[in-house]
Amino acid sequence: MFDPNCIFCNIVEGEIPSTKVYEDDICLAFRDINPLAPTHVLVIPKTHIESCAELTEEHEVLIGHIFTVIAKIARDLGLDNGFRVVSNAGLEAGQTVPHLHFHILAGRPMSAKMV
């Protein structure tokens, strides 16, 4: 599903440019335009899902795939000393774009508040 009002859906469609790190038929990874750490990559499903609060059993394969991609990206970027994966659900949790996304963060500085 595509939401024309969603910035991430528009990035998936190529309407808004991004610095792609990875892409396949299921997900897209790109560098955050306002990075909170030296490495800050966002990984999103190409299907519009508002947040992890909306996930159901039907999304198990999707989420498994995304985490496999996250591990591949971390290896490709040489994040051998560690990284964080963060997903916020809803405004009160700090989610600023209502499209499921996972932050890959590594290096310093790194904000624990807004990720």
PDB file of N, CA and C in Angstrom:
ATOM      1  N   MET A   1       0.842  -1.177   0.000  1.00  0.00           N
ATOM      2  CA  MET A   1       0.000   0.000   0.000  1.00  0.00           C
ATOM      3  C   MET A   1       0.895   1.251   0.000  1.00  0.00           C
ATOM      4  N   PHE A   2       0.476   2.259  -0.705  1.00  0.00           N
ATOM      5  CA  PHE A   2       1.196   3.525  -0.833  1.00  0.00           C
ATOM      6  C   PHE A   2       0.341   4.637  -0.246  1.00  0.00           C
ATOM      7  N   ASP A   3       0.943   5.459   0.604  1.00  0.00           N
ATOM      8  CA  ASP A   3       0.264   6.627   1.157  1.00  0.00           C
ATOM      9  C   ASP A   3       0.922   7.865   0.552  1.00  0.00           C
ATOM     10  N   PRO A   4       0.206   8.584  -0.342  1.00  0.00           N
ATOM     11  CA  PRO A   4       0.812   9.739  -1.008  1.00  0.00           C
ATOM     12  C   PRO A   4       1.198  10.873  -0.055  1.00  0.00           C
ATOM     13  N   ASN A   5       0.675  10.863   1.161  1.00  0.00           N
ATOM     14  CA  ASN A   5       1.004  11.897   2.142  1.00  0.00           C
ATOM     15  C   ASN A   5       2.193  11.519   3.024  1.00  0.00           C
ATOM     16  N   CYS A   6       2.745  10.333   2.807  1.00  0.00           N
ATOM     17  CA  CYS A   6       3.844   9.827   3.632  1.00  0.00           C
ATOM     18  C   CYS A   6       5.180  10.098   2.945  1.00  0.00           C
ATOM     19  N   ILE A   7       6.078  10.792   3.636  1.00  0.00           N
ATOM     20  CA  ILE A   7       7.384  11.114   3.068  1.00  0.00           C
ATOM     21  C   ILE A   7       8.167   9.850   2.710  1.00  0.00           C
ATOM     22  N   PHE A   8       8.093   8.817   3.560  1.00  0.00           N
ATOM     23  CA  PHE A   8       8.841   7.592   3.268  1.00  0.00           C
ATOM     24  C   PHE A   8       8.251   6.852   2.072  1.00  0.00           C
ATOM     25  N   CYS A   9       6.930   6.857   1.919  1.00  0.00           N
ATOM     26  CA  CYS A   9       6.323   6.248   0.726  1.00  0.00           C
ATOM     27  C   CYS A   9       6.805   6.973  -0.530  1.00  0.00           C
ATOM     28  N   ASN A  10       6.931   8.281  -0.439  1.00  0.00           N
ATOM     29  CA  ASN A  10       7.411   9.062  -1.576  1.00  0.00           C
ATOM     30  C   ASN A  10       8.892   8.817  -1.858  1.00  0.00           C
ATOM     31  N   ILE A  11       9.660   8.528  -0.829  1.00  0.00           N
ATOM     32  CA  ILE A  11      11.059   8.136  -1.037  1.00  0.00           C
ATOM     33  C   ILE A  11      11.106   6.788  -1.749  1.00  0.00           C
ATOM     34  N   VAL A  12      10.281   5.842  -1.319  1.00  0.00           N
ATOM     35  CA  VAL A  12      10.211   4.524  -1.975  1.00  0.00           C
ATOM     36  C   VAL A  12       9.881   4.685  -3.450  1.00  0.00           C
ATOM     37  N   GLU A  13       8.957   5.570  -3.769  1.00  0.00           N
ATOM     38  CA  GLU A  13       8.519   5.783  -5.150  1.00  0.00           C
ATOM     39  C   GLU A  13       9.517   6.598  -5.978  1.00  0.00           C
ATOM     40  N   GLY A  14      10.542   7.137  -5.333  1.00  0.00           N
ATOM     41  CA  GLY A  14      11.524   7.945  -6.046  1.00  0.00           C
ATOM     42  C   GLY A  14      11.102   9.384  -6.247  1.00  0.00           C
ATOM     43  N   GLU A  15      10.008   9.785  -5.632  1.00  0.00           N
ATOM     44  CA  GLU A  15       9.521  11.166  -5.730  1.00  0.00           C
ATOM     45  C   GLU A  15      10.383  12.125  -4.909  1.00  0.00           C
ATOM     46  N   ILE A  16      10.979  11.598  -3.846  1.00  0.00           N
ATOM     47  CA  ILE A  16      11.877  12.373  -2.993  1.00  0.00           C
ATOM     48  C   ILE A  16      13.227  11.656  -3.028  1.00  0.00           C
ATOM     49  N   PRO A  17      14.313  12.380  -3.309  1.00  0.00           N
ATOM     50  CA  PRO A  17      15.627  11.715  -3.393  1.00  0.00           C
ATOM     51  C   PRO A  17      16.122  11.247  -2.027  1.00  0.00           C
ATOM     52  N   SER A  18      16.948  10.223  -2.070  1.00  0.00           N
ATOM     53  CA  SER A  18      17.585   9.725  -0.850  1.00  0.00           C
ATOM     54  C   SER A  18      18.943   9.145  -1.216  1.00  0.00           C
ATOM     55  N   THR A  19      19.776   8.990  -0.208  1.00  0.00           N
ATOM     56  CA  THR A  19      21.070   8.343  -0.395  1.00  0.00           C
ATOM     57  C   THR A  19      20.899   6.880   0.004  1.00  0.00           C
ATOM     58  N   LYS A  20      20.625   6.048  -0.988  1.00  0.00           N
ATOM     59  CA  LYS A  20      20.332   4.641  -0.746  1.00  0.00           C
ATOM     60  C   LYS A  20      21.576   3.889  -0.288  1.00  0.00           C
ATOM     61  N   VAL A  21      21.348   3.015   0.676  1.00  0.00           N
ATOM     62  CA  VAL A  21      22.383   2.123   1.180  1.00  0.00           C
ATOM     63  C   VAL A  21      22.084   0.695   0.729  1.00  0.00           C
ATOM     64  N   TYR A  22      20.787   0.377   0.622  1.00  0.00           N
ATOM     65  CA  TYR A  22      20.340  -0.965   0.246  1.00  0.00           C
ATOM     66  C   TYR A  22      18.912  -0.864  -0.282  1.00  0.00           C
ATOM     67  N   GLU A  23      18.594  -1.739  -1.247  1.00  0.00           N
ATOM     68  CA  GLU A  23      17.214  -1.813  -1.731  1.00  0.00           C
ATOM     69  C   GLU A  23      16.964  -3.187  -2.318  1.00  0.00           C
ATOM     70  N   ASP A  24      15.783  -3.726  -2.037  1.00  0.00           N
ATOM     71  CA  ASP A  24      15.298  -4.929  -2.686  1.00  0.00           C
ATOM     72  C   ASP A  24      13.789  -4.765  -2.876  1.00  0.00           C
ATOM     73  N   ASP A  25      13.098  -5.818  -3.224  1.00  0.00           N
ATOM     74  CA  ASP A  25      11.655  -5.726  -3.475  1.00  0.00           C
ATOM     75  C   ASP A  25      10.845  -5.459  -2.210  1.00  0.00           C
ATOM     76  N   ILE A  26      11.425  -5.703  -1.045  1.00  0.00           N
ATOM     77  CA  ILE A  26      10.692  -5.648   0.219  1.00  0.00           C
ATOM     78  C   ILE A  26      10.989  -4.393   1.028  1.00  0.00           C
ATOM     79  N   CYS A  27      12.243  -3.957   1.008  1.00  0.00           N
ATOM     80  CA  CYS A  27      12.613  -2.830   1.871  1.00  0.00           C
ATOM     81  C   CYS A  27      13.638  -1.921   1.203  1.00  0.00           C
ATOM     82  N   LEU A  28      13.815  -0.780   1.824  1.00  0.00           N
ATOM     83  CA  LEU A  28      14.750   0.237   1.357  1.00  0.00           C
ATOM     84  C   LEU A  28      15.511   0.767   2.572  1.00  0.00           C
ATOM     85  N   ALA A  29      16.806   0.964   2.411  1.00  0.00           N
ATOM     86  CA  ALA A  29      17.627   1.575   3.466  1.00  0.00           C
ATOM     87  C   ALA A  29      18.329   2.784   2.875  1.00  0.00           C
ATOM     88  N   PHE A  30      18.333   3.880   3.637  1.00  0.00           N
ATOM     89  CA  PHE A  30      18.955   5.118   3.169  1.00  0.00           C
ATOM     90  C   PHE A  30      19.494   5.899   4.352  1.00  0.00           C
ATOM     91  N   ARG A  31      20.412   6.788   4.071  1.00  0.00           N
ATOM     92  CA  ARG A  31      21.018   7.602   5.125  1.00  0.00           C
ATOM     93  C   ARG A  31      20.039   8.686   5.595  1.00  0.00           C
ATOM     94  N   ASP A  32      20.004   8.899   6.901  1.00  0.00           N
ATOM     95  CA  ASP A  32      19.142   9.927   7.486  1.00  0.00           C
ATOM     96  C   ASP A  32      19.674  11.300   7.103  1.00  0.00           C
ATOM     97  N   ILE A  33      18.767  12.211   6.729  1.00  0.00           N
ATOM     98  CA  ILE A  33      19.220  13.552   6.324  1.00  0.00           C
ATOM     99  C   ILE A  33      19.616  14.415   7.523  1.00  0.00           C
ATOM    100  N   ASN A  34      19.189  14.029   8.721  1.00  0.00           N
ATOM    101  CA  ASN A  34      19.586  14.717   9.954  1.00  0.00           C
ATOM    102  C   ASN A  34      20.182  13.684  10.912  1.00  0.00           C
ATOM    103  N   PRO A  35      21.376  13.198  10.615  1.00  0.00           N
ATOM    104  CA  PRO A  35      21.928  12.099  11.404  1.00  0.00           C
ATOM    105  C   PRO A  35      22.186  12.466  12.862  1.00  0.00           C
ATOM    106  N   LEU A  36      21.895  11.500  13.731  1.00  0.00           N
ATOM    107  CA  LEU A  36      22.133  11.654  15.159  1.00  0.00           C
ATOM    108  C   LEU A  36      23.432  10.983  15.592  1.00  0.00           C
ATOM    109  N   ALA A  37      24.088  10.335  14.650  1.00  0.00           N
ATOM    110  CA  ALA A  37      25.351   9.642  14.917  1.00  0.00           C
ATOM    111  C   ALA A  37      26.137   9.613  13.611  1.00  0.00           C
ATOM    112  N   PRO A  38      27.431   9.353  13.673  1.00  0.00           N
ATOM    113  CA  PRO A  38      28.215   9.276  12.441  1.00  0.00           C
ATOM    114  C   PRO A  38      27.636   8.304  11.410  1.00  0.00           C
ATOM    115  N   THR A  39      27.116   7.188  11.875  1.00  0.00           N
ATOM    116  CA  THR A  39      26.365   6.288  10.993  1.00  0.00           C
ATOM    117  C   THR A  39      24.920   6.321  11.443  1.00  0.00           C
ATOM    118  N   HIS A  40      24.031   6.743  10.548  1.00  0.00           N
ATOM    119  CA  HIS A  40      22.595   6.785  10.845  1.00  0.00           C
ATOM    120  C   HIS A  40      21.848   6.434   9.566  1.00  0.00           C
ATOM    121  N   VAL A  41      21.407   5.187   9.513  1.00  0.00           N
ATOM    122  CA  VAL A  41      20.699   4.658   8.354  1.00  0.00           C
ATOM    123  C   VAL A  41      19.284   4.290   8.780  1.00  0.00           C
ATOM    124  N   LEU A  42      18.319   4.589   7.918  1.00  0.00           N
ATOM    125  CA  LEU A  42      16.933   4.192   8.150  1.00  0.00           C
ATOM    126  C   LEU A  42      16.600   3.018   7.242  1.00  0.00           C
ATOM    127  N   VAL A  43      15.922   2.026   7.799  1.00  0.00           N
ATOM    128  CA  VAL A  43      15.472   0.875   7.024  1.00  0.00           C
ATOM    129  C   VAL A  43      13.953   0.851   7.117  1.00  0.00           C
ATOM    130  N   ILE A  44      13.290   0.855   5.947  1.00  0.00           N
ATOM    131  CA  ILE A  44      11.820   0.909   5.913  1.00  0.00           C
ATOM    132  C   ILE A  44      11.274  -0.191   5.013  1.00  0.00           C
ATOM    133  N   PRO A  45      10.085  -0.703   5.357  1.00  0.00           N
ATOM    134  CA  PRO A  45       9.418  -1.594   4.417  1.00  0.00           C
ATOM    135  C   PRO A  45       8.850  -0.753   3.276  1.00  0.00           C
ATOM    136  N   LYS A  46       8.782  -1.330   2.097  1.00  0.00           N
ATOM    137  CA  LYS A  46       8.197  -0.596   0.973  1.00  0.00           C
ATOM    138  C   LYS A  46       6.678  -0.511   1.085  1.00  0.00           C
ATOM    139  N   THR A  47       6.097  -1.375   1.869  1.00  0.00           N
ATOM    140  CA  THR A  47       4.669  -1.329   2.159  1.00  0.00           C
ATOM    141  C   THR A  47       4.438  -0.369   3.316  1.00  0.00           C
ATOM    142  N   HIS A  48       3.419   0.468   3.206  1.00  0.00           N
ATOM    143  CA  HIS A  48       3.139   1.432   4.270  1.00  0.00           C
ATOM    144  C   HIS A  48       2.505   0.728   5.466  1.00  0.00           C
ATOM    145  N   ILE A  49       3.226   0.778   6.579  1.00  0.00           N
ATOM    146  CA  ILE A  49       2.741   0.333   7.887  1.00  0.00           C
ATOM    147  C   ILE A  49       3.097   1.483   8.811  1.00  0.00           C
ATOM    148  N   GLU A  50       2.155   1.974   9.597  1.00  0.00           N
ATOM    149  CA  GLU A  50       2.420   3.191  10.373  1.00  0.00           C
ATOM    150  C   GLU A  50       3.483   3.043  11.446  1.00  0.00           C
ATOM    151  N   SER A  51       3.491   1.942  12.177  1.00  0.00           N
ATOM    152  CA  SER A  51       4.497   1.747  13.224  1.00  0.00           C
ATOM    153  C   SER A  51       4.526   0.282  13.617  1.00  0.00           C
ATOM    154  N   CYS A  52       5.445  -0.062  14.508  1.00  0.00           N
ATOM    155  CA  CYS A  52       5.509  -1.451  14.962  1.00  0.00           C
ATOM    156  C   CYS A  52       4.284  -1.818  15.794  1.00  0.00           C
ATOM    157  N   ALA A  53       3.532  -0.838  16.258  1.00  0.00           N
ATOM    158  CA  ALA A  53       2.302  -1.118  17.000  1.00  0.00           C
ATOM    159  C   ALA A  53       1.235  -1.757  16.111  1.00  0.00           C
ATOM    160  N   GLU A  54       1.370  -1.605  14.798  1.00  0.00           N
ATOM    161  CA  GLU A  54       0.394  -2.178  13.870  1.00  0.00           C
ATOM    162  C   GLU A  54       0.788  -3.550  13.332  1.00  0.00           C
ATOM    163  N   LEU A  55       1.930  -4.049  13.764  1.00  0.00           N
ATOM    164  CA  LEU A  55       2.390  -5.334  13.249  1.00  0.00           C
ATOM    165  C   LEU A  55       1.526  -6.485  13.757  1.00  0.00           C
ATOM    166  N   THR A  56       1.333  -7.460  12.891  1.00  0.00           N
ATOM    167  CA  THR A  56       0.585  -8.668  13.225  1.00  0.00           C
ATOM    168  C   THR A  56       1.403  -9.882  12.791  1.00  0.00           C
ATOM    169  N   GLU A  57       0.871 -11.059  13.029  1.00  0.00           N
ATOM    170  CA  GLU A  57       1.556 -12.284  12.632  1.00  0.00           C
ATOM    171  C   GLU A  57       1.845 -12.322  11.138  1.00  0.00           C
ATOM    172  N   GLU A  58       1.029 -11.678  10.342  1.00  0.00           N
ATOM    173  CA  GLU A  58       1.260 -11.681   8.890  1.00  0.00           C
ATOM    174  C   GLU A  58       2.523 -10.924   8.497  1.00  0.00           C
ATOM    175  N   HIS A  59       3.072 -10.136   9.402  1.00  0.00           N
ATOM    176  CA  HIS A  59       4.280  -9.359   9.121  1.00  0.00           C
ATOM    177  C   HIS A  59       5.571 -10.053   9.584  1.00  0.00           C
ATOM    178  N   GLU A  60       5.470 -11.270  10.132  1.00  0.00           N
ATOM    179  CA  GLU A  60       6.649 -11.939  10.688  1.00  0.00           C
ATOM    180  C   GLU A  60       7.765 -12.112   9.657  1.00  0.00           C
ATOM    181  N   VAL A  61       7.430 -12.524   8.443  1.00  0.00           N
ATOM    182  CA  VAL A  61       8.446 -12.715   7.406  1.00  0.00           C
ATOM    183  C   VAL A  61       9.062 -11.377   7.030  1.00  0.00           C
ATOM    184  N   LEU A  62       8.250 -10.343   6.904  1.00  0.00           N
ATOM    185  CA  LEU A  62       8.741  -8.999   6.582  1.00  0.00           C
ATOM    186  C   LEU A  62       9.751  -8.523   7.623  1.00  0.00           C
ATOM    187  N   ILE A  63       9.392  -8.632   8.893  1.00  0.00           N
ATOM    188  CA  ILE A  63      10.273  -8.142   9.957  1.00  0.00           C
ATOM    189  C   ILE A  63      11.546  -8.986  10.038  1.00  0.00           C
ATOM    190  N   GLY A  64      11.425 -10.286   9.853  1.00  0.00           N
ATOM    191  CA  GLY A  64      12.612 -11.139   9.815  1.00  0.00           C
ATOM    192  C   GLY A  64      13.544 -10.732   8.685  1.00  0.00           C
ATOM    193  N   HIS A  65      12.968 -10.436   7.533  1.00  0.00           N
ATOM    194  CA  HIS A  65      13.766  -9.996   6.388  1.00  0.00           C
ATOM    195  C   HIS A  65      14.462  -8.670   6.693  1.00  0.00           C
ATOM    196  N   ILE A  66      13.732  -7.730   7.258  1.00  0.00           N
ATOM    197  CA  ILE A  66      14.312  -6.425   7.574  1.00  0.00           C
ATOM    198  C   ILE A  66      15.492  -6.576   8.535  1.00  0.00           C
ATOM    199  N   PHE A  67      15.370  -7.429   9.549  1.00  0.00           N
ATOM    200  CA  PHE A  67      16.480  -7.592  10.484  1.00  0.00           C
ATOM    201  C   PHE A  67      17.669  -8.321   9.845  1.00  0.00           C
ATOM    202  N   THR A  68      17.413  -9.190   8.899  1.00  0.00           N
ATOM    203  CA  THR A  68      18.505  -9.800   8.141  1.00  0.00           C
ATOM    204  C   THR A  68      19.220  -8.736   7.317  1.00  0.00           C
ATOM    205  N   VAL A  69      18.452  -7.830   6.711  1.00  0.00           N
ATOM    206  CA  VAL A  69      19.025  -6.720   5.948  1.00  0.00           C
ATOM    207  C   VAL A  69      19.815  -5.790   6.865  1.00  0.00           C
ATOM    208  N   ILE A  70      19.299  -5.520   8.058  1.00  0.00           N
ATOM    209  CA  ILE A  70      20.015  -4.676   9.013  1.00  0.00           C
ATOM    210  C   ILE A  70      21.385  -5.277   9.330  1.00  0.00           C
ATOM    211  N   ALA A  71      21.433  -6.579   9.566  1.00  0.00           N
ATOM    212  CA  ALA A  71      22.717  -7.238   9.851  1.00  0.00           C
ATOM    213  C   ALA A  71      23.661  -7.135   8.657  1.00  0.00           C
ATOM    214  N   LYS A  72      23.136  -7.292   7.437  1.00  0.00           N
ATOM    215  CA  LYS A  72      23.955  -7.182   6.230  1.00  0.00           C
ATOM    216  C   LYS A  72      24.510  -5.767   6.090  1.00  0.00           C
ATOM    217  N   ILE A  73      23.658  -4.765   6.296  1.00  0.00           N
ATOM    218  CA  ILE A  73      24.107  -3.368   6.206  1.00  0.00           C
ATOM    219  C   ILE A  73      25.196  -3.097   7.232  1.00  0.00           C
ATOM    220  N   ALA A  74      25.011  -3.571   8.467  1.00  0.00           N
ATOM    221  CA  ALA A  74      26.016  -3.364   9.511  1.00  0.00           C
ATOM    222  C   ALA A  74      27.350  -3.988   9.113  1.00  0.00           C
ATOM    223  N   ARG A  75      27.314  -5.183   8.537  1.00  0.00           N
ATOM    224  CA  ARG A  75      28.559  -5.811   8.072  1.00  0.00           C
ATOM    225  C   ARG A  75      29.177  -4.992   6.941  1.00  0.00           C
ATOM    226  N   ASP A  76      28.337  -4.601   5.970  1.00  0.00           N
ATOM    227  CA  ASP A  76      28.834  -3.840   4.820  1.00  0.00           C
ATOM    228  C   ASP A  76      29.444  -2.501   5.222  1.00  0.00           C
ATOM    229  N   LEU A  77      28.895  -1.885   6.269  1.00  0.00           N
ATOM    230  CA  LEU A  77      29.401  -0.586   6.737  1.00  0.00           C
ATOM    231  C   LEU A  77      30.542  -0.735   7.743  1.00  0.00           C
ATOM    232  N   GLY A  78      30.899  -1.975   8.057  1.00  0.00           N
ATOM    233  CA  GLY A  78      32.012  -2.214   8.973  1.00  0.00           C
ATOM    234  C   GLY A  78      31.719  -1.833  10.412  1.00  0.00           C
ATOM    235  N   LEU A  79      30.486  -2.040  10.846  1.00  0.00           N
ATOM    236  CA  LEU A  79      30.100  -1.669  12.210  1.00  0.00           C
ATOM    237  C   LEU A  79      30.448  -2.783  13.196  1.00  0.00           C
ATOM    238  N   ASP A  80      31.700  -3.237  13.142  1.00  0.00           N
ATOM    239  CA  ASP A  80      32.166  -4.363  13.946  1.00  0.00           C
ATOM    240  C   ASP A  80      32.185  -4.074  15.443  1.00  0.00           C
ATOM    241  N   ASN A  81      32.276  -2.813  15.826  1.00  0.00           N
ATOM    242  CA  ASN A  81      32.324  -2.457  17.246  1.00  0.00           C
ATOM    243  C   ASN A  81      30.944  -2.286  17.859  1.00  0.00           C
ATOM    244  N   GLY A  82      29.902  -2.478  17.072  1.00  0.00           N
ATOM    245  CA  GLY A  82      28.552  -2.415  17.599  1.00  0.00           C
ATOM    246  C   GLY A  82      27.704  -1.327  16.960  1.00  0.00           C
ATOM    247  N   PHE A  83      26.405  -1.480  17.117  1.00  0.00           N
ATOM    248  CA  PHE A  83      25.428  -0.528  16.593  1.00  0.00           C
ATOM    249  C   PHE A  83      24.126  -0.713  17.349  1.00  0.00           C
ATOM    250  N   ARG A  84      23.254   0.278  17.226  1.00  0.00           N
ATOM    251  CA  ARG A  84      21.919   0.205  17.830  1.00  0.00           C
ATOM    252  C   ARG A  84      20.890   0.124  16.726  1.00  0.00           C
ATOM    253  N   VAL A  85      19.786  -0.566  17.019  1.00  0.00           N
ATOM    254  CA  VAL A  85      18.619  -0.587  16.145  1.00  0.00           C
ATOM    255  C   VAL A  85      17.455  -0.095  16.991  1.00  0.00           C
ATOM    256  N   VAL A  86      16.786   0.966  16.508  1.00  0.00           N
ATOM    257  CA  VAL A  86      15.716   1.589  17.276  1.00  0.00           C
ATOM    258  C   VAL A  86      14.507   1.795  16.380  1.00  0.00           C
ATOM    259  N   SER A  87      13.316   1.530  16.945  1.00  0.00           N
ATOM    260  CA  SER A  87      12.070   1.852  16.253  1.00  0.00           C
ATOM    261  C   SER A  87      11.114   2.456  17.272  1.00  0.00           C
ATOM    262  N   ASN A  88      10.615   3.642  16.986  1.00  0.00           N
ATOM    263  CA  ASN A  88       9.654   4.309  17.866  1.00  0.00           C
ATOM    264  C   ASN A  88       8.241   4.043  17.361  1.00  0.00           C
ATOM    265  N   ALA A  89       7.300   3.943  18.289  1.00  0.00           N
ATOM    266  CA  ALA A  89       5.905   3.683  17.925  1.00  0.00           C
ATOM    267  C   ALA A  89       5.013   4.784  18.488  1.00  0.00           C
ATOM    268  N   GLY A  90       4.620   5.720  17.636  1.00  0.00           N
ATOM    269  CA  GLY A  90       3.709   6.769  18.040  1.00  0.00           C
ATOM    270  C   GLY A  90       4.399   8.059  18.452  1.00  0.00           C
ATOM    271  N   LEU A  91       3.618   9.120  18.463  1.00  0.00           N
ATOM    272  CA  LEU A  91       4.136  10.450  18.775  1.00  0.00           C
ATOM    273  C   LEU A  91       4.769  10.542  20.154  1.00  0.00           C
ATOM    274  N   GLU A  92       4.130   9.938  21.154  1.00  0.00           N
ATOM    275  CA  GLU A  92       4.657  10.029  22.522  1.00  0.00           C
ATOM    276  C   GLU A  92       5.986   9.297  22.678  1.00  0.00           C
ATOM    277  N   ALA A  93       6.289   8.398  21.746  1.00  0.00           N
ATOM    278  CA  ALA A  93       7.573   7.685  21.775  1.00  0.00           C
ATOM    279  C   ALA A  93       8.623   8.400  20.938  1.00  0.00           C
ATOM    280  N   GLY A  94       8.237   9.481  20.261  1.00  0.00           N
ATOM    281  CA  GLY A  94       9.178  10.238  19.459  1.00  0.00           C
ATOM    282  C   GLY A  94       9.160   9.898  17.981  1.00  0.00           C
ATOM    283  N   GLN A  95       8.178   9.109  17.537  1.00  0.00           N
ATOM    284  CA  GLN A  95       8.096   8.795  16.110  1.00  0.00           C
ATOM    285  C   GLN A  95       7.657  10.046  15.351  1.00  0.00           C
ATOM    286  N   THR A  96       8.482  10.495  14.406  1.00  0.00           N
ATOM    287  CA  THR A  96       8.182  11.724  13.673  1.00  0.00           C
ATOM    288  C   THR A  96       7.630  11.468  12.283  1.00  0.00           C
ATOM    289  N   VAL A  97       7.844  10.281  11.736  1.00  0.00           N
ATOM    290  CA  VAL A  97       7.286   9.913  10.435  1.00  0.00           C
ATOM    291  C   VAL A  97       6.410   8.678  10.642  1.00  0.00           C
ATOM    292  N   PRO A  98       5.111   8.773  10.339  1.00  0.00           N
ATOM    293  CA  PRO A  98       4.219   7.646  10.574  1.00  0.00           C
ATOM    294  C   PRO A  98       4.328   6.561   9.485  1.00  0.00           C
ATOM    295  N   HIS A  99       5.498   5.976   9.403  1.00  0.00           N
ATOM    296  CA  HIS A  99       5.786   4.846   8.513  1.00  0.00           C
ATOM    297  C   HIS A  99       6.816   4.018   9.275  1.00  0.00           C
ATOM    298  N   LEU A 100       6.563   2.746   9.459  1.00  0.00           N
ATOM    299  CA  LEU A 100       7.477   1.881  10.197  1.00  0.00           C
ATOM    300  C   LEU A 100       8.896   2.065   9.682  1.00  0.00           C
ATOM    301  N   HIS A 101       9.813   2.320  10.592  1.00  0.00           N
ATOM    302  CA  HIS A 101      11.217   2.437  10.210  1.00  0.00           C
ATOM    303  C   HIS A 101      12.105   2.059  11.379  1.00  0.00           C
ATOM    304  N   PHE A 102      13.281   1.601  11.016  1.00  0.00           N
ATOM    305  CA  PHE A 102      14.282   1.189  11.989  1.00  0.00           C
ATOM    306  C   PHE A 102      15.527   2.029  11.771  1.00  0.00           C
ATOM    307  N   HIS A 103      16.032   2.624  12.844  1.00  0.00           N
ATOM    308  CA  HIS A 103      17.266   3.398  12.799  1.00  0.00           C
ATOM    309  C   HIS A 103      18.430   2.454  13.077  1.00  0.00           C
ATOM    310  N   ILE A 104      19.453   2.497  12.241  1.00  0.00           N
ATOM    311  CA  ILE A 104      20.726   1.852  12.546  1.00  0.00           C
ATOM    312  C   ILE A 104      21.664   2.987  12.931  1.00  0.00           C
ATOM    313  N   LEU A 105      22.168   2.948  14.159  1.00  0.00           N
ATOM    314  CA  LEU A 105      22.999   4.023  14.684  1.00  0.00           C
ATOM    315  C   LEU A 105      24.324   3.458  15.190  1.00  0.00           C
ATOM    316  N   ALA A 106      25.402   4.138  14.833  1.00  0.00           N
ATOM    317  CA  ALA A 106      26.715   3.720  15.332  1.00  0.00           C
ATOM    318  C   ALA A 106      27.638   4.916  15.423  1.00  0.00           C
ATOM    319  N   GLY A 107      28.551   4.877  16.372  1.00  0.00           N
ATOM    320  CA  GLY A 107      29.499   5.962  16.566  1.00  0.00           C
ATOM    321  C   GLY A 107      28.951   7.000  17.527  1.00  0.00           C
ATOM    322  N   ARG A 108      29.720   8.014  17.741  1.00  0.00           N
ATOM    323  CA  ARG A 108      29.337   9.092  18.647  1.00  0.00           C
ATOM    324  C   ARG A 108      29.311  10.402  17.893  1.00  0.00           C
ATOM    325  N   PRO A 109      28.537  11.407  18.250  1.00  0.00           N
ATOM    326  CA  PRO A 109      27.568  11.393  19.330  1.00  0.00           C
ATOM    327  C   PRO A 109      26.291  10.657  18.923  1.00  0.00           C
ATOM    328  N   MET A 110      25.563  10.197  19.903  1.00  0.00           N
ATOM    329  CA  MET A 110      24.327   9.469  19.664  1.00  0.00           C
ATOM    330  C   MET A 110      23.323   9.881  20.719  1.00  0.00           C
ATOM    331  N   SER A 111      22.184  10.316  20.301  1.00  0.00           N
ATOM    332  CA  SER A 111      21.153  10.758  21.236  1.00  0.00           C
ATOM    333  C   SER A 111      20.291   9.573  21.667  1.00  0.00           C
ATOM    334  N   ALA A 112      20.130   9.381  22.958  1.00  0.00           N
ATOM    335  CA  ALA A 112      19.254   8.335  23.442  1.00  0.00           C
ATOM    336  C   ALA A 112      17.809   8.812  23.444  1.00  0.00           C
ATOM    337  N   LYS A 113      17.599  10.134  23.365  1.00  0.00           N
ATOM    338  CA  LYS A 113      16.258  10.682  23.435  1.00  0.00           C
ATOM    339  C   LYS A 113      15.493  10.533  22.120  1.00  0.00           C
ATOM    340  N   MET A 114      16.065  10.957  21.008  1.00  0.00           N
ATOM    341  CA  MET A 114      15.328  11.038  19.762  1.00  0.00           C
ATOM    342  C   MET A 114      15.822  10.014  18.758  1.00  0.00           C
ATOM    343  N   VAL A 115      15.501   8.790  18.948  1.00  0.00           N
ATOM    344  CA  VAL A 115      15.770   7.772  17.941  1.00  0.00           C
ATOM    345  C   VAL A 115      14.709   6.775  17.983  1.00  0.00           C
TER     346      VAL A 115
END
